[in-house]
Amino acid sequence: MAIEIIIAIVALILGIVLMTYSSDKAVEHSVKIASALRISPLLIGLVLVSIGTDLPEIVNSIISCAIGHADIELGDSLGSVLTQMTLVIGLLPFLVGKFKVKRKEVLIIGAFEVLALILAVSIAEKGYFTRINALFLVASWPVFILLARSATANNAKEKKHLVARNNESNFHHLRHWVIAILGFVGIAIGAYAVIQSVITLSAVFHVSEYFISFFVMAIGTSLPELVVEVMALRKKQYGLAIGDAIGSCMVDASVSVGIGQLFFPQAVSGELALITGLYAIFGSIVVVLTLALREKVDKKAGALFILVYLLSYALLRVT
């Protein structure tokens, strides 16, 4: 039993590390490919960066549903929303110092993030998904992006500075393709290892797969967002950092929740999804309103967001 637990924990840690590293490489080289193909910086920013940092959750969604453990993908996706909105944003001022945000952008993007989360929770709380519901969630993401485009346009312009100027040879173009593909493969392998470890730990400790995914797995799959946002802040691209933080949550609440169920629809723990999902909505509203009112992220705001995250562990006793 002890050996089984150790193996599961090691697999969980290594899987998360592999997903994080592979996600970083996949995003980096996918952006370079897009730049070489002369895709606009706006599309690179709004689509590749936000989707790219959520690759671990998206792959987890597909694999966990494929093997009949949909609670893992749902817990990870909703848990990632809460983790990124509260813990990740809360840590930023402690890691790189305070920074300013624009009220209009935060309110508009934040409103769409909360709406996406409400839609996901309203479907999940029923205890099952249909392909139509899942398709609705996945298709809602590009709609949200188009509607929020006016608020994120400036951020997208900033993102062009992260895109390498590409005057490279065809050999280097091929290199980017190979590394990007290997990155996606690495994410899939890491995701499978993490899912199997969650299943094992759930059985050993008699804790639901949903809760392990919501509270533990979500922290690991949120690491790519933390890395990207810290890098952006160090480059003084403040709008990019907060835009990616909230934009990634839109991806989690729509694409990540729905993509696995679209291919493999099945039942989920609706009651747990409702309780934790409502708290994630509450946390998102607190963060969005705080940022909009104060127009900055400093250590006071960061401490509040981290506290909101830590209070979520009280849900373990409530349920």
Protein backbone atom coordinates (compact mmCIF):
# COMPACT_ATOMS: atom_id res chain seq x y z
CA MET A 1 0.00 0.00 0.00
CA ALA A 2 2.77 2.46 0.97
CA ILE A 3 4.68 1.71 -2.23
CA GLU A 4 1.51 2.24 -4.27
CA ILE A 5 0.98 5.64 -2.64
CA ILE A 6 4.58 6.70 -3.23
CA ILE A 7 4.43 5.65 -6.87
CA ALA A 8 1.15 7.55 -7.35
CA ILE A 9 2.53 10.72 -5.75
CA VAL A 10 5.75 10.55 -7.79
CA ALA A 11 3.71 9.99 -10.97
CA LEU A 12 1.52 12.97 -10.07
CA ILE A 13 4.51 15.28 -9.56
CA LEU A 14 6.41 14.08 -12.63
CA GLY A 15 3.27 14.24 -14.76
CA ILE A 16 2.61 17.85 -13.72
CA VAL A 17 6.25 18.80 -14.35
CA LEU A 18 6.15 17.16 -17.79
CA MET A 19 2.86 18.87 -18.68
CA THR A 20 4.14 22.28 -17.55
CA TYR A 21 7.44 22.00 -19.44
CA SER A 22 5.82 20.54 -22.57
CA SER A 23 3.07 23.17 -22.52
CA ASP A 24 5.67 25.95 -22.35
CA LYS A 25 7.57 24.52 -25.34
CA ALA A 26 4.40 23.84 -27.35
CA VAL A 27 3.18 27.41 -26.84
CA GLU A 28 6.57 29.00 -27.54
CA HIS A 29 7.15 27.19 -30.82
CA SER A 30 3.50 27.33 -31.95
CA VAL A 31 3.66 31.12 -31.63
CA LYS A 32 6.85 31.18 -33.70
CA ILE A 33 5.17 29.06 -36.38
CA ALA A 34 2.18 31.39 -36.43
CA SER A 35 4.48 34.39 -36.71
CA ALA A 36 6.33 32.79 -39.61
CA LEU A 37 3.00 32.18 -41.36
CA ARG A 38 2.20 35.88 -40.87
CA ILE A 39 -0.84 35.28 -38.72
CA SER A 40 -1.87 38.55 -37.07
CA PRO A 41 -0.56 39.31 -33.56
CA LEU A 42 -4.19 39.71 -32.44
CA LEU A 43 -5.06 36.14 -33.33
CA ILE A 44 -1.78 34.84 -31.92
CA GLY A 45 -2.49 36.51 -28.62
CA LEU A 46 -6.19 35.80 -28.26
CA VAL A 47 -6.12 32.24 -29.56
CA LEU A 48 -2.67 30.64 -29.27
CA VAL A 49 -1.53 32.06 -25.94
CA SER A 50 -4.80 31.56 -24.05
CA ILE A 51 -5.46 28.11 -25.51
CA GLY A 52 -1.79 27.18 -25.26
CA THR A 53 -1.48 27.79 -21.53
CA ASP A 54 -4.64 25.72 -21.03
CA LEU A 55 -3.37 22.71 -22.98
CA PRO A 56 -2.92 20.62 -19.80
CA GLU A 57 -6.58 21.09 -18.84
CA ILE A 58 -7.79 20.46 -22.39
CA VAL A 59 -5.78 17.25 -22.78
CA ASN A 60 -6.83 16.13 -19.31
CA SER A 61 -10.44 16.67 -20.32
CA ILE A 62 -10.19 14.42 -23.38
CA ILE A 63 -8.18 11.63 -21.76
CA SER A 64 -10.11 11.46 -18.49
CA CYS A 65 -13.46 11.33 -20.30
CA ALA A 66 -12.10 8.74 -22.73
CA ILE A 67 -11.27 6.36 -19.86
CA GLY A 68 -14.54 7.02 -18.02
CA HIS A 69 -13.38 9.39 -15.25
CA ALA A 70 -15.17 12.62 -16.15
CA ASP A 71 -15.04 13.95 -12.58
CA ILE A 72 -11.28 14.37 -12.99
CA GLU A 73 -11.65 16.70 -15.96
CA LEU A 74 -14.53 18.65 -14.44
CA GLY A 75 -12.77 19.10 -11.10
CA ASP A 76 -9.55 20.14 -12.80
CA SER A 77 -11.26 22.65 -15.11
CA LEU A 78 -13.39 24.35 -12.44
CA GLY A 79 -10.55 24.15 -9.92
CA SER A 80 -8.21 25.79 -12.43
CA VAL A 81 -10.62 28.72 -12.80
CA LEU A 82 -10.62 29.31 -9.04
CA THR A 83 -6.86 28.76 -8.76
CA GLN A 84 -5.95 31.11 -11.61
CA MET A 85 -8.37 33.87 -10.64
CA THR A 86 -7.43 33.92 -6.95
CA LEU A 87 -4.17 32.14 -6.12
CA VAL A 88 -2.24 32.88 -9.34
CA ILE A 89 -3.28 36.54 -9.60
CA GLY A 90 -2.79 36.88 -5.84
CA LEU A 91 0.80 35.63 -6.04
CA LEU A 92 1.81 38.01 -8.84
CA PRO A 93 2.41 41.18 -6.73
CA PHE A 94 4.48 39.15 -4.28
CA LEU A 95 6.61 37.72 -7.09
CA VAL A 96 7.08 40.76 -9.34
CA GLY A 97 5.60 43.76 -7.51
CA LYS A 98 2.40 45.74 -7.94
CA PHE A 99 1.00 46.67 -11.34
CA LYS A 100 -1.92 48.61 -12.77
CA VAL A 101 -4.92 47.33 -14.70
CA LYS A 102 -7.56 49.06 -16.81
CA ARG A 103 -11.04 49.13 -15.30
CA LYS A 104 -12.95 48.80 -18.58
CA GLU A 105 -10.92 45.84 -19.79
CA VAL A 106 -11.17 44.01 -16.46
CA LEU A 107 -14.93 44.52 -16.24
CA ILE A 108 -15.63 43.38 -19.80
CA ILE A 109 -13.31 40.37 -19.84
CA GLY A 110 -14.25 39.50 -16.27
CA ALA A 111 -17.96 39.62 -17.10
CA PHE A 112 -17.48 37.12 -19.93
CA GLU A 113 -15.37 34.87 -17.67
CA VAL A 114 -18.11 34.82 -15.02
CA LEU A 115 -20.76 34.19 -17.69
CA ALA A 116 -18.75 31.27 -19.11
CA LEU A 117 -18.40 29.83 -15.61
CA ILE A 118 -22.13 30.20 -14.89
CA LEU A 119 -22.94 28.34 -18.11
CA ALA A 120 -20.54 25.52 -17.25
CA VAL A 121 -21.86 25.12 -13.69
CA SER A 122 -25.51 25.28 -14.79
CA ILE A 123 -24.90 22.33 -17.15
CA ALA A 124 -22.64 20.32 -14.84
CA GLU A 125 -24.94 20.55 -11.81
CA LYS A 126 -27.51 18.42 -13.64
CA GLY A 127 -25.12 15.49 -13.22
CA TYR A 128 -24.64 14.64 -16.88
CA PHE A 129 -23.57 16.10 -20.22
CA THR A 130 -24.97 15.62 -23.68
CA ARG A 131 -23.01 16.23 -26.86
CA ILE A 132 -25.24 19.24 -27.56
CA ASN A 133 -24.47 20.79 -24.17
CA ALA A 134 -20.76 20.09 -24.58
CA LEU A 135 -20.75 21.54 -28.10
CA PHE A 136 -22.54 24.63 -26.78
CA LEU A 137 -19.82 25.15 -24.17
CA VAL A 138 -16.95 24.67 -26.61
CA ALA A 139 -18.57 26.93 -29.23
CA SER A 140 -19.23 29.65 -26.65
CA TRP A 141 -15.50 30.38 -26.31
CA PRO A 142 -14.94 31.95 -29.77
CA VAL A 143 -18.15 33.94 -29.26
CA PHE A 144 -16.83 35.32 -25.96
CA ILE A 145 -13.49 36.13 -27.61
CA LEU A 146 -15.14 38.02 -30.46
CA LEU A 147 -17.38 39.97 -28.08
CA ALA A 148 -14.45 40.83 -25.80
CA ARG A 149 -12.10 41.66 -28.66
CA SER A 150 -12.50 45.42 -28.28
CA ALA A 151 -11.39 45.21 -24.65
CA THR A 152 -8.42 42.94 -25.33
CA ALA A 153 -7.18 44.60 -28.53
CA ASN A 154 -4.52 46.61 -26.72
CA ASN A 155 -3.34 43.52 -24.89
CA ALA A 156 -3.09 41.67 -28.15
CA LYS A 157 -0.89 44.44 -29.54
CA GLU A 158 1.36 44.08 -26.54
CA LYS A 159 1.63 40.36 -27.16
CA LYS A 160 3.40 40.93 -30.43
CA HIS A 161 6.51 41.74 -28.43
CA LEU A 162 6.50 38.16 -27.18
CA VAL A 163 6.48 36.85 -30.73
CA ALA A 164 9.92 36.34 -32.18
CA ARG A 165 10.79 38.16 -35.35
CA ASN A 166 11.12 35.35 -37.76
CA ASN A 167 13.79 35.59 -40.43
CA GLU A 168 14.81 32.00 -39.98
CA SER A 169 15.57 29.33 -42.52
CA ASN A 170 13.25 26.49 -43.46
CA PHE A 171 15.38 24.25 -41.26
CA HIS A 172 14.49 26.34 -38.23
CA HIS A 173 10.83 26.37 -39.27
CA LEU A 174 10.90 22.56 -39.33
CA ARG A 175 12.57 22.60 -35.91
CA HIS A 176 9.68 24.65 -34.50
CA TRP A 177 7.16 22.16 -35.93
CA VAL A 178 9.01 19.19 -34.43
CA ILE A 179 9.39 20.76 -30.99
CA ALA A 180 5.75 21.92 -30.95
CA ILE A 181 4.53 18.42 -31.84
CA LEU A 182 6.79 16.86 -29.22
CA GLY A 183 5.41 19.37 -26.74
CA PHE A 184 1.85 18.22 -27.44
CA VAL A 185 2.93 14.59 -27.08
CA GLY A 186 4.61 15.41 -23.77
CA ILE A 187 1.44 17.05 -22.50
CA ALA A 188 -0.59 13.94 -23.39
CA ILE A 189 1.87 11.61 -21.63
CA GLY A 190 2.01 13.85 -18.56
CA ALA A 191 -1.77 14.14 -18.47
CA TYR A 192 -2.21 10.37 -18.60
CA ALA A 193 0.28 9.90 -15.74
CA VAL A 194 -1.49 12.53 -13.64
CA ILE A 195 -4.93 11.04 -14.27
CA GLN A 196 -3.79 7.55 -13.33
CA SER A 197 -2.20 8.86 -10.13
CA VAL A 198 -5.39 10.71 -9.21
CA ILE A 199 -7.41 7.52 -9.70
CA THR A 200 -4.99 5.59 -7.47
CA LEU A 201 -4.88 8.23 -4.71
CA SER A 202 -8.66 8.54 -4.77
CA ALA A 203 -9.06 4.80 -4.20
CA VAL A 204 -6.38 4.58 -1.51
CA PHE A 205 -7.49 7.58 0.57
CA HIS A 206 -11.22 7.24 -0.20
CA VAL A 207 -11.37 10.85 -1.42
CA SER A 208 -13.41 11.65 -4.51
CA GLU A 209 -11.55 12.10 -7.78
CA TYR A 210 -13.37 15.39 -8.18
CA PHE A 211 -11.90 16.89 -5.00
CA ILE A 212 -8.35 15.71 -5.71
CA SER A 213 -8.60 17.26 -9.15
CA PHE A 214 -10.22 20.48 -7.91
CA PHE A 215 -7.75 21.17 -5.10
CA VAL A 216 -4.51 19.41 -6.10
CA MET A 217 -4.42 18.76 -9.83
CA ALA A 218 -5.68 22.29 -10.63
CA ILE A 219 -2.64 23.85 -8.98
CA GLY A 220 -0.31 21.86 -11.21
CA THR A 221 -2.20 22.56 -14.43
CA SER A 222 -2.28 26.30 -13.58
CA LEU A 223 1.52 26.57 -13.55
CA PRO A 224 1.76 27.52 -17.28
CA GLU A 225 -0.44 30.57 -16.61
CA LEU A 226 1.73 31.61 -13.67
CA VAL A 227 4.89 31.32 -15.77
CA VAL A 228 3.45 33.32 -18.69
CA GLU A 229 2.07 36.05 -16.43
CA VAL A 230 5.29 36.46 -14.45
CA MET A 231 7.23 36.71 -17.72
CA ALA A 232 4.78 39.32 -19.05
CA LEU A 233 4.96 41.42 -15.88
CA ARG A 234 8.75 41.39 -15.90
CA LYS A 235 8.52 42.82 -19.40
CA LYS A 236 6.08 45.45 -18.00
CA GLN A 237 3.25 44.11 -20.14
CA TYR A 238 0.64 44.51 -17.43
CA GLY A 239 -2.42 44.27 -19.63
CA LEU A 240 -1.16 41.05 -21.16
CA ALA A 241 -0.68 39.45 -17.75
CA ILE A 242 -4.13 40.17 -16.39
CA GLY A 243 -5.74 39.53 -19.78
CA ASP A 244 -4.18 36.09 -20.02
CA ALA A 245 -5.11 35.28 -16.42
CA ILE A 246 -8.80 35.98 -16.97
CA GLY A 247 -8.83 34.81 -20.60
CA SER A 248 -7.41 31.42 -19.63
CA CYS A 249 -10.27 31.02 -17.16
CA MET A 250 -12.72 31.55 -20.03
CA VAL A 251 -11.01 28.70 -21.87
CA ASP A 252 -11.21 26.46 -18.78
CA ALA A 253 -14.90 27.15 -18.20
CA SER A 254 -15.86 26.54 -21.83
CA VAL A 255 -13.42 24.50 -23.93
CA SER A 256 -11.82 22.49 -21.10
CA VAL A 257 -15.12 21.55 -19.48
CA GLY A 258 -16.83 20.69 -22.75
CA ILE A 259 -14.21 19.16 -25.08
CA GLY A 260 -13.93 15.77 -23.38
CA GLN A 261 -17.69 15.47 -22.95
CA LEU A 262 -18.16 16.34 -26.61
CA PHE A 263 -16.39 13.12 -27.63
CA PHE A 264 -17.27 10.95 -24.60
CA PRO A 265 -20.42 12.28 -22.87
CA GLN A 266 -21.04 10.83 -19.41
CA ALA A 267 -22.29 11.48 -15.88
CA VAL A 268 -20.47 13.74 -13.38
CA SER A 269 -20.84 14.63 -9.70
CA GLY A 270 -23.37 17.39 -10.17
CA GLU A 271 -23.70 18.34 -6.50
CA LEU A 272 -19.94 18.79 -6.06
CA ALA A 273 -19.76 20.75 -9.31
CA LEU A 274 -22.54 23.06 -8.09
CA ILE A 275 -21.00 23.77 -4.67
CA THR A 276 -17.43 24.27 -5.88
CA GLY A 277 -18.59 26.02 -9.04
CA LEU A 278 -20.60 28.57 -7.07
CA TYR A 279 -17.55 29.29 -4.95
CA ALA A 280 -15.44 29.73 -8.10
CA ILE A 281 -18.06 32.21 -9.36
CA PHE A 282 -17.91 34.03 -6.02
CA GLY A 283 -14.10 34.13 -6.15
CA SER A 284 -14.14 35.44 -9.73
CA ILE A 285 -16.58 38.23 -8.85
CA VAL A 286 -14.48 39.27 -5.84
CA VAL A 287 -11.34 39.46 -7.99
CA VAL A 288 -12.98 41.29 -10.91
CA LEU A 289 -14.69 43.89 -8.71
CA THR A 290 -11.56 44.44 -6.61
CA LEU A 291 -9.42 44.98 -9.69
CA ALA A 292 -12.00 47.25 -11.31
CA LEU A 293 -12.44 49.41 -8.20
CA ARG A 294 -8.74 49.71 -7.30
CA GLU A 295 -7.28 49.56 -10.85
CA LYS A 296 -4.15 47.93 -9.51
CA VAL A 297 -2.86 44.64 -8.15
CA ASP A 298 -0.76 45.19 -5.06
CA LYS A 299 0.09 43.06 -2.05
CA LYS A 300 -3.14 44.00 -0.25
CA ALA A 301 -5.23 42.80 -3.17
CA GLY A 302 -2.96 39.78 -3.59
CA ALA A 303 -3.40 38.79 0.07
CA LEU A 304 -7.18 39.08 -0.29
CA PHE A 305 -7.22 36.86 -3.38
CA ILE A 306 -5.01 34.24 -1.74
CA LEU A 307 -7.29 34.27 1.32
CA VAL A 308 -10.33 33.70 -0.91
CA TYR A 309 -8.55 30.71 -2.41
CA LEU A 310 -7.55 29.24 0.95
CA LEU A 311 -11.11 29.59 2.28
CA SER A 312 -12.24 27.26 -0.52
CA TYR A 313 -10.77 24.35 1.45
CA ALA A 314 -13.66 24.79 3.89
CA LEU A 315 -15.78 23.21 1.15
CA LEU A 316 -14.19 19.90 2.02
CA ARG A 317 -16.05 19.97 5.33
CA VAL A 318 -19.30 21.35 3.94
CA THR A 319 -19.57 18.52 1.42
